[in-house]
PDB file of N, CA and C in Angstrom:
ATOM      1  N   MET A   1     -13.797   0.656  14.086  1.00  0.00           N
ATOM      2  CA  MET A   1     -14.037   1.800  13.627  1.00  0.00           C
ATOM      3  C   MET A   1     -15.353   1.534  12.666  1.00  0.00           C
ATOM      4  N   THR A   2     -16.387   2.398  12.812  1.00  0.00           N
ATOM      5  CA  THR A   2     -17.537   2.139  11.855  1.00  0.00           C
ATOM      6  C   THR A   2     -17.258   2.872  10.342  1.00  0.00           C
ATOM      7  N   VAL A   3     -18.097   2.501   9.614  1.00  0.00           N
ATOM      8  CA  VAL A   3     -17.850   2.978   8.304  1.00  0.00           C
ATOM      9  C   VAL A   3     -18.118   4.502   8.312  1.00  0.00           C
ATOM     10  N   SER A   4     -19.157   5.005   9.073  1.00  0.00           N
ATOM     11  CA  SER A   4     -19.161   6.410   9.271  1.00  0.00           C
ATOM     12  C   SER A   4     -18.148   7.124   9.854  1.00  0.00           C
ATOM     13  N   ASP A   5     -17.392   6.592  10.906  1.00  0.00           N
ATOM     14  CA  ASP A   5     -16.213   6.921  11.426  1.00  0.00           C
ATOM     15  C   ASP A   5     -15.168   7.184  10.435  1.00  0.00           C
ATOM     16  N   LEU A   6     -15.015   6.120   9.591  1.00  0.00           N
ATOM     17  CA  LEU A   6     -13.860   6.025   8.685  1.00  0.00           C
ATOM     18  C   LEU A   6     -14.239   7.203   7.562  1.00  0.00           C
ATOM     19  N   LYS A   7     -15.436   7.334   7.172  1.00  0.00           N
ATOM     20  CA  LYS A   7     -15.710   8.401   6.289  1.00  0.00           C
ATOM     21  C   LYS A   7     -15.422   9.771   6.777  1.00  0.00           C
ATOM     22  N   LEU A   8     -15.784   9.953   8.007  1.00  0.00           N
ATOM     23  CA  LEU A   8     -15.656  11.324   8.700  1.00  0.00           C
ATOM     24  C   LEU A   8     -14.127  11.458   8.787  1.00  0.00           C
ATOM     25  N   LYS A   9     -13.366  10.632   9.137  1.00  0.00           N
ATOM     26  CA  LYS A   9     -12.015  10.585   9.429  1.00  0.00           C
ATOM     27  C   LYS A   9     -11.184  10.968   7.835  1.00  0.00           C
ATOM     28  N   ILE A  10     -11.605  10.346   6.883  1.00  0.00           N
ATOM     29  CA  ILE A  10     -11.229  10.675   5.475  1.00  0.00           C
ATOM     30  C   ILE A  10     -11.535  12.100   5.123  1.00  0.00           C
ATOM     31  N   PHE A  11     -12.891  12.393   5.447  1.00  0.00           N
ATOM     32  CA  PHE A  11     -13.289  13.604   4.987  1.00  0.00           C
ATOM     33  C   PHE A  11     -12.236  14.796   5.717  1.00  0.00           C
ATOM     34  N   ARG A  12     -12.156  14.644   6.845  1.00  0.00           N
ATOM     35  CA  ARG A  12     -11.310  15.817   7.501  1.00  0.00           C
ATOM     36  C   ARG A  12      -9.956  15.651   7.144  1.00  0.00           C
ATOM     37  N   GLN A  13      -9.442  14.468   6.583  1.00  0.00           N
ATOM     38  CA  GLN A  13      -8.087  14.673   6.175  1.00  0.00           C
ATOM     39  C   GLN A  13      -8.096  15.292   4.756  1.00  0.00           C
ATOM     40  N   ILE A  14      -8.943  14.979   3.982  1.00  0.00           N
ATOM     41  CA  ILE A  14      -9.099  15.658   2.692  1.00  0.00           C
ATOM     42  C   ILE A  14      -9.404  17.004   2.764  1.00  0.00           C
ATOM     43  N   ASP A  15     -10.333  17.528   3.617  1.00  0.00           N
ATOM     44  CA  ASP A  15     -10.712  18.887   3.888  1.00  0.00           C
ATOM     45  C   ASP A  15      -9.557  19.740   4.297  1.00  0.00           C
ATOM     46  N   SER A  16      -8.418  19.177   5.005  1.00  0.00           N
ATOM     47  CA  SER A  16      -7.336  19.873   5.336  1.00  0.00           C
ATOM     48  C   SER A  16      -6.232  20.080   4.230  1.00  0.00           C
ATOM     49  N   LEU A  17      -6.367  19.390   3.183  1.00  0.00           N
ATOM     50  CA  LEU A  17      -5.304  19.648   2.103  1.00  0.00           C
ATOM     51  C   LEU A  17      -5.225  20.858   1.408  1.00  0.00           C
ATOM     52  N   GLU A  18      -4.044  21.320   1.110  1.00  0.00           N
ATOM     53  CA  GLU A  18      -4.008  22.594   0.322  1.00  0.00           C
ATOM     54  C   GLU A  18      -4.429  22.212  -1.149  1.00  0.00           C
ATOM     55  N   LYS A  19      -4.794  23.265  -2.035  1.00  0.00           N
ATOM     56  CA  LYS A  19      -5.266  22.953  -3.256  1.00  0.00           C
ATOM     57  C   LYS A  19      -4.356  21.942  -4.154  1.00  0.00           C
ATOM     58  N   ASN A  20      -3.136  22.205  -4.350  1.00  0.00           N
ATOM     59  CA  ASN A  20      -2.367  21.392  -5.242  1.00  0.00           C
ATOM     60  C   ASN A  20      -2.262  19.970  -4.541  1.00  0.00           C
ATOM     61  N   ARG A  21      -2.329  19.688  -3.429  1.00  0.00           N
ATOM     62  CA  ARG A  21      -2.293  18.292  -2.862  1.00  0.00           C
ATOM     63  C   ARG A  21      -3.767  17.675  -2.902  1.00  0.00           C
ATOM     64  N   LEU A  22      -4.808  18.516  -2.890  1.00  0.00           N
ATOM     65  CA  LEU A  22      -6.172  18.096  -3.192  1.00  0.00           C
ATOM     66  C   LEU A  22      -6.227  17.705  -4.593  1.00  0.00           C
ATOM     67  N   GLU A  23      -5.685  18.429  -5.522  1.00  0.00           N
ATOM     68  CA  GLU A  23      -5.684  18.044  -6.914  1.00  0.00           C
ATOM     69  C   GLU A  23      -5.026  16.640  -7.126  1.00  0.00           C
ATOM     70  N   GLU A  24      -3.913  16.555  -6.578  1.00  0.00           N
ATOM     71  CA  GLU A  24      -3.037  15.311  -6.738  1.00  0.00           C
ATOM     72  C   GLU A  24      -3.785  14.057  -6.119  1.00  0.00           C
ATOM     73  N   PHE A  25      -4.542  14.514  -4.907  1.00  0.00           N
ATOM     74  CA  PHE A  25      -5.312  13.267  -4.326  1.00  0.00           C
ATOM     75  C   PHE A  25      -6.377  12.977  -5.432  1.00  0.00           C
ATOM     76  N   TYR A  26      -7.026  13.895  -5.701  1.00  0.00           N
ATOM     77  CA  TYR A  26      -8.249  13.658  -6.634  1.00  0.00           C
ATOM     78  C   TYR A  26      -7.811  12.743  -7.887  1.00  0.00           C
ATOM     79  N   GLY A  27      -6.651  12.985  -8.393  1.00  0.00           N
ATOM     80  CA  GLY A  27      -6.171  12.183  -9.577  1.00  0.00           C
ATOM     81  C   GLY A  27      -5.870  10.830  -9.191  1.00  0.00           C
ATOM     82  N   ILE A  28      -5.350  10.637  -7.918  1.00  0.00           N
ATOM     83  CA  ILE A  28      -5.007   9.275  -7.445  1.00  0.00           C
ATOM     84  C   ILE A  28      -6.312   8.687  -7.095  1.00  0.00           C
ATOM     85  N   LEU A  29      -7.219   9.276  -6.447  1.00  0.00           N
ATOM     86  CA  LEU A  29      -8.580   8.610  -6.227  1.00  0.00           C
ATOM     87  C   LEU A  29      -9.292   8.255  -7.535  1.00  0.00           C
ATOM     88  N   ILE A  30      -9.394   9.035  -8.480  1.00  0.00           N
ATOM     89  CA  ILE A  30      -9.942   8.764  -9.800  1.00  0.00           C
ATOM     90  C   ILE A  30      -9.333   7.504 -10.545  1.00  0.00           C
ATOM     91  N   ASN A  31      -8.033   7.480 -10.395  1.00  0.00           N
ATOM     92  CA  ASN A  31      -7.288   6.309 -11.003  1.00  0.00           C
ATOM     93  C   ASN A  31      -7.549   5.142 -10.083  1.00  0.00           C
ATOM     94  N   TYR A  32      -7.612   5.385  -8.850  1.00  0.00           N
ATOM     95  CA  TYR A  32      -7.934   4.000  -8.116  1.00  0.00           C
ATOM     96  C   TYR A  32      -9.363   3.467  -8.257  1.00  0.00           C
ATOM     97  N   ILE A  33     -10.433   4.426  -8.440  1.00  0.00           N
ATOM     98  CA  ILE A  33     -11.716   4.012  -8.880  1.00  0.00           C
ATOM     99  C   ILE A  33     -11.896   3.347 -10.172  1.00  0.00           C
ATOM    100  N   ASN A  34     -11.060   3.956 -11.041  1.00  0.00           N
ATOM    101  CA  ASN A  34     -11.340   3.563 -12.556  1.00  0.00           C
ATOM    102  C   ASN A  34     -10.201   2.284 -12.849  1.00  0.00           C
ATOM    103  N   GLU A  35      -9.533   1.770 -11.861  1.00  0.00           N
ATOM    104  CA  GLU A  35      -8.396   0.944 -12.208  1.00  0.00           C
ATOM    105  C   GLU A  35      -8.822  -0.376 -12.681  1.00  0.00           C
ATOM    106  N   LYS A  36      -9.901  -0.889 -12.290  1.00  0.00           N
ATOM    107  CA  LYS A  36     -10.511  -2.117 -12.703  1.00  0.00           C
ATOM    108  C   LYS A  36     -11.515  -2.074 -13.863  1.00  0.00           C
ATOM    109  N   LYS A  37     -11.988  -0.863 -14.024  1.00  0.00           N
ATOM    110  CA  LYS A  37     -13.057  -0.489 -15.012  1.00  0.00           C
ATOM    111  C   LYS A  37     -12.669  -0.522 -16.410  1.00  0.00           C
ATOM    112  N   ASP A  38     -11.586   0.152 -16.536  1.00  0.00           N
ATOM    113  CA  ASP A  38     -11.123   0.628 -18.051  1.00  0.00           C
ATOM    114  C   ASP A  38      -9.887   0.281 -18.209  1.00  0.00           C
ATOM    115  N   ILE A  39      -9.566  -0.723 -19.071  1.00  0.00           N
ATOM    116  CA  ILE A  39      -8.162  -1.190 -19.578  1.00  0.00           C
ATOM    117  C   ILE A  39      -8.069  -0.980 -21.112  1.00  0.00           C
ATOM    118  N   SER A  40      -9.034  -0.488 -21.719  1.00  0.00           N
ATOM    119  CA  SER A  40      -8.910  -0.537 -23.105  1.00  0.00           C
ATOM    120  C   SER A  40      -7.810   0.194 -23.550  1.00  0.00           C
ATOM    121  N   ASP A  41      -7.340   1.162 -23.014  1.00  0.00           N
ATOM    122  CA  ASP A  41      -6.193   1.939 -23.437  1.00  0.00           C
ATOM    123  C   ASP A  41      -4.888   1.186 -23.444  1.00  0.00           C
ATOM    124  N   TRP A  42      -4.887   0.238 -22.526  1.00  0.00           N
ATOM    125  CA  TRP A  42      -3.657  -0.692 -22.495  1.00  0.00           C
ATOM    126  C   TRP A  42      -3.516  -1.520 -23.830  1.00  0.00           C
ATOM    127  N   GLY A  43      -4.603  -1.929 -24.425  1.00  0.00           N
ATOM    128  CA  GLY A  43      -4.660  -2.702 -25.583  1.00  0.00           C
ATOM    129  C   GLY A  43      -4.198  -1.830 -26.979  1.00  0.00           C
ATOM    130  N   LYS A  44      -4.335  -0.526 -26.671  1.00  0.00           N
ATOM    131  CA  LYS A  44      -3.976   0.518 -27.915  1.00  0.00           C
ATOM    132  C   LYS A  44      -2.489   0.685 -27.850  1.00  0.00           C
ATOM    133  N   LEU A  45      -1.721   0.298 -26.879  1.00  0.00           N
ATOM    134  CA  LEU A  45      -0.319   0.687 -26.724  1.00  0.00           C
ATOM    135  C   LEU A  45       0.440  -0.422 -27.584  1.00  0.00           C
ATOM    136  N   THR A  46       1.617   0.169 -28.214  1.00  0.00           N
ATOM    137  CA  THR A  46       2.485  -0.695 -28.916  1.00  0.00           C
ATOM    138  C   THR A  46       3.172  -1.455 -28.021  1.00  0.00           C
ATOM    139  N   GLN A  47       3.772  -2.621 -28.589  1.00  0.00           N
ATOM    140  CA  GLN A  47       4.707  -3.558 -27.494  1.00  0.00           C
ATOM    141  C   GLN A  47       5.811  -2.678 -26.851  1.00  0.00           C
ATOM    142  N   GLU A  48       6.308  -1.759 -27.692  1.00  0.00           N
ATOM    143  CA  GLU A  48       7.415  -0.849 -27.309  1.00  0.00           C
ATOM    144  C   GLU A  48       7.057  -0.087 -26.092  1.00  0.00           C
ATOM    145  N   GLN A  49       5.808   0.533 -26.272  1.00  0.00           N
ATOM    146  CA  GLN A  49       5.142   1.311 -25.139  1.00  0.00           C
ATOM    147  C   GLN A  49       5.001   0.539 -23.932  1.00  0.00           C
ATOM    148  N   LYS A  50       4.357  -0.716 -24.070  1.00  0.00           N
ATOM    149  CA  LYS A  50       4.149  -1.354 -22.958  1.00  0.00           C
ATOM    150  C   LYS A  50       5.675  -1.827 -22.196  1.00  0.00           C
ATOM    151  N   GLN A  51       6.554  -2.128 -22.971  1.00  0.00           N
ATOM    152  CA  GLN A  51       7.932  -2.506 -22.482  1.00  0.00           C
ATOM    153  C   GLN A  51       8.402  -1.289 -21.740  1.00  0.00           C
ATOM    154  N   GLY A  52       8.178  -0.058 -22.346  1.00  0.00           N
ATOM    155  CA  GLY A  52       8.641   1.071 -21.727  1.00  0.00           C
ATOM    156  C   GLY A  52       8.010   1.399 -20.257  1.00  0.00           C
ATOM    157  N   ILE A  53       6.674   0.964 -20.058  1.00  0.00           N
ATOM    158  CA  ILE A  53       6.211   0.926 -18.822  1.00  0.00           C
ATOM    159  C   ILE A  53       6.579   0.067 -17.961  1.00  0.00           C
ATOM    160  N   PHE A  54       6.805  -1.343 -18.295  1.00  0.00           N
ATOM    161  CA  PHE A  54       7.366  -2.271 -17.536  1.00  0.00           C
ATOM    162  C   PHE A  54       8.764  -2.046 -17.036  1.00  0.00           C
ATOM    163  N   ASP A  55       9.622  -1.415 -17.961  1.00  0.00           N
ATOM    164  CA  ASP A  55      11.035  -0.963 -17.535  1.00  0.00           C
ATOM    165  C   ASP A  55      10.858   0.169 -16.472  1.00  0.00           C
ATOM    166  N   ALA A  56       9.898   1.023 -16.606  1.00  0.00           N
ATOM    167  CA  ALA A  56       9.938   2.116 -15.702  1.00  0.00           C
ATOM    168  C   ALA A  56       9.547   1.590 -14.286  1.00  0.00           C
ATOM    169  N   ILE A  57       8.542   0.717 -14.434  1.00  0.00           N
ATOM    170  CA  ILE A  57       8.163   0.212 -12.990  1.00  0.00           C
ATOM    171  C   ILE A  57       9.260  -0.670 -12.319  1.00  0.00           C
ATOM    172  N   GLU A  58      10.208  -1.343 -13.116  1.00  0.00           N
ATOM    173  CA  GLU A  58      11.127  -2.049 -12.702  1.00  0.00           C
ATOM    174  C   GLU A  58      12.337  -1.026 -12.039  1.00  0.00           C
ATOM    175  N   GLU A  59      12.334   0.048 -12.874  1.00  0.00           N
ATOM    176  CA  GLU A  59      13.361   1.119 -12.213  1.00  0.00           C
ATOM    177  C   GLU A  59      12.945   1.742 -10.973  1.00  0.00           C
ATOM    178  N   ILE A  60      11.671   1.938 -10.744  1.00  0.00           N
ATOM    179  CA  ILE A  60      11.165   2.513  -9.574  1.00  0.00           C
ATOM    180  C   ILE A  60      11.365   1.444  -8.403  1.00  0.00           C
ATOM    181  N   GLU A  61      11.008   0.310  -8.634  1.00  0.00           N
ATOM    182  CA  GLU A  61      11.255  -0.777  -7.683  1.00  0.00           C
ATOM    183  C   GLU A  61      12.526  -0.964  -7.188  1.00  0.00           C
ATOM    184  N   LEU A  62      13.622  -0.604  -8.000  1.00  0.00           N
ATOM    185  CA  LEU A  62      14.980  -0.714  -7.760  1.00  0.00           C
ATOM    186  C   LEU A  62      15.431   0.654  -7.212  1.00  0.00           C
ATOM    187  N   GLY A  63      14.509   1.527  -7.016  1.00  0.00           N
ATOM    188  CA  GLY A  63      14.912   2.904  -6.292  1.00  0.00           C
ATOM    189  C   GLY A  63      15.529   3.762  -7.188  1.00  0.00           C
ATOM    190  N   LYS A  64      15.442   3.644  -8.474  1.00  0.00           N
ATOM    191  CA  LYS A  64      16.179   4.508  -9.607  1.00  0.00           C
ATOM    192  C   LYS A  64      15.311   5.618  -9.965  1.00  0.00           C
ATOM    193  N   GLY A  65      14.048   5.717  -9.444  1.00  0.00           N
ATOM    194  CA  GLY A  65      13.016   6.726  -9.871  1.00  0.00           C
ATOM    195  C   GLY A  65      13.322   8.084  -9.336  1.00  0.00           C
ATOM    196  N   ILE A  66      12.629   9.101  -9.914  1.00  0.00           N
ATOM    197  CA  ILE A  66      12.709  10.446  -9.328  1.00  0.00           C
ATOM    198  C   ILE A  66      11.111  10.677  -8.772  1.00  0.00           C
ATOM    199  N   SER A  67      11.132  11.256  -7.366  1.00  0.00           N
ATOM    200  CA  SER A  67       9.972  11.414  -6.828  1.00  0.00           C
ATOM    201  C   SER A  67       9.160  12.518  -7.545  1.00  0.00           C
ATOM    202  N   ASN A  68       7.977  12.309  -7.415  1.00  0.00           N
ATOM    203  CA  ASN A  68       6.940  13.289  -8.011  1.00  0.00           C
ATOM    204  C   ASN A  68       7.303  14.601  -7.452  1.00  0.00           C
ATOM    205  N   GLU A  69       7.487  14.815  -6.121  1.00  0.00           N
ATOM    206  CA  GLU A  69       7.728  16.070  -5.562  1.00  0.00           C
ATOM    207  C   GLU A  69       9.023  16.730  -6.247  1.00  0.00           C
ATOM    208  N   ASN A  70       9.936  15.971  -6.491  1.00  0.00           N
ATOM    209  CA  ASN A  70      11.321  16.555  -7.208  1.00  0.00           C
ATOM    210  C   ASN A  70      10.959  17.031  -8.711  1.00  0.00           C
ATOM    211  N   VAL A  71      10.137  16.164  -9.265  1.00  0.00           N
ATOM    212  CA  VAL A  71       9.810  16.674 -10.739  1.00  0.00           C
ATOM    213  C   VAL A  71       8.773  17.828 -10.727  1.00  0.00           C
ATOM    214  N   MET A  72       7.910  17.815  -9.857  1.00  0.00           N
ATOM    215  CA  MET A  72       7.051  18.933  -9.720  1.00  0.00           C
ATOM    216  C   MET A  72       7.660  20.269  -9.294  1.00  0.00           C
ATOM    217  N   SER A  73       8.804  20.148  -8.504  1.00  0.00           N
ATOM    218  CA  SER A  73       9.481  21.237  -8.076  1.00  0.00           C
ATOM    219  C   SER A  73      10.167  21.905  -9.361  1.00  0.00           C
ATOM    220  N   LYS A  74      10.991  21.044  -9.980  1.00  0.00           N
ATOM    221  CA  LYS A  74      11.543  21.509 -11.244  1.00  0.00           C
ATOM    222  C   LYS A  74      10.671  22.177 -12.275  1.00  0.00           C
ATOM    223  N   ILE A  75       9.514  21.453 -12.385  1.00  0.00           N
ATOM    224  CA  ILE A  75       8.593  22.071 -13.364  1.00  0.00           C
ATOM    225  C   ILE A  75       8.086  23.477 -12.905  1.00  0.00           C
ATOM    226  N   ARG A  76       7.738  23.624 -11.665  1.00  0.00           N
ATOM    227  CA  ARG A  76       7.279  24.868 -11.108  1.00  0.00           C
ATOM    228  C   ARG A  76       8.346  25.915 -11.297  1.00  0.00           C
ATOM    229  N   LYS A  77       9.699  25.499 -11.122  1.00  0.00           N
ATOM    230  CA  LYS A  77      10.855  26.443 -11.106  1.00  0.00           C
ATOM    231  C   LYS A  77      10.996  27.044 -12.661  1.00  0.00           C
ATOM    232  N   LYS A  78      10.802  25.923 -13.692  1.00  0.00           N
ATOM    233  CA  LYS A  78      11.061  26.200 -14.961  1.00  0.00           C
ATOM    234  C   LYS A  78       9.846  27.026 -15.535  1.00  0.00           C
ATOM    235  N   TYR A  79       8.542  26.540 -15.108  1.00  0.00           N
ATOM    236  CA  TYR A  79       7.434  27.390 -15.484  1.00  0.00           C
ATOM    237  C   TYR A  79       6.468  27.921 -14.354  1.00  0.00           C
ATOM    238  N   PRO A  80       7.143  29.011 -13.874  1.00  0.00           N
ATOM    239  CA  PRO A  80       6.471  29.635 -12.566  1.00  0.00           C
ATOM    240  C   PRO A  80       4.988  30.226 -12.959  1.00  0.00           C
ATOM    241  N   HIS A  81       4.866  30.543 -14.242  1.00  0.00           N
ATOM    242  CA  HIS A  81       3.642  31.146 -14.572  1.00  0.00           C
ATOM    243  C   HIS A  81       2.350  30.247 -14.753  1.00  0.00           C
ATOM    244  N   VAL A  82       2.650  28.970 -14.759  1.00  0.00           N
ATOM    245  CA  VAL A  82       1.523  27.933 -15.226  1.00  0.00           C
ATOM    246  C   VAL A  82       0.966  27.591 -13.740  1.00  0.00           C
TER     247      VAL A  82
END
């Protein structure tokens, strides 16, 4: 697959997304792009905040997390006007 073919395939998949999925994808894409560029916020966290993030990652890896879809569904039900 050429670079042009890959770009076209990605574009078509993005173009078919509904608005809310497109916004989610945009956030993921921006996070991916900026992942290695800016880690200055990490240094501003307290040790307790960092440990909380590590604990959350461990819980997710153990299957104890709640999916984004479930969380967003509950939020939409609770705040339908947003």
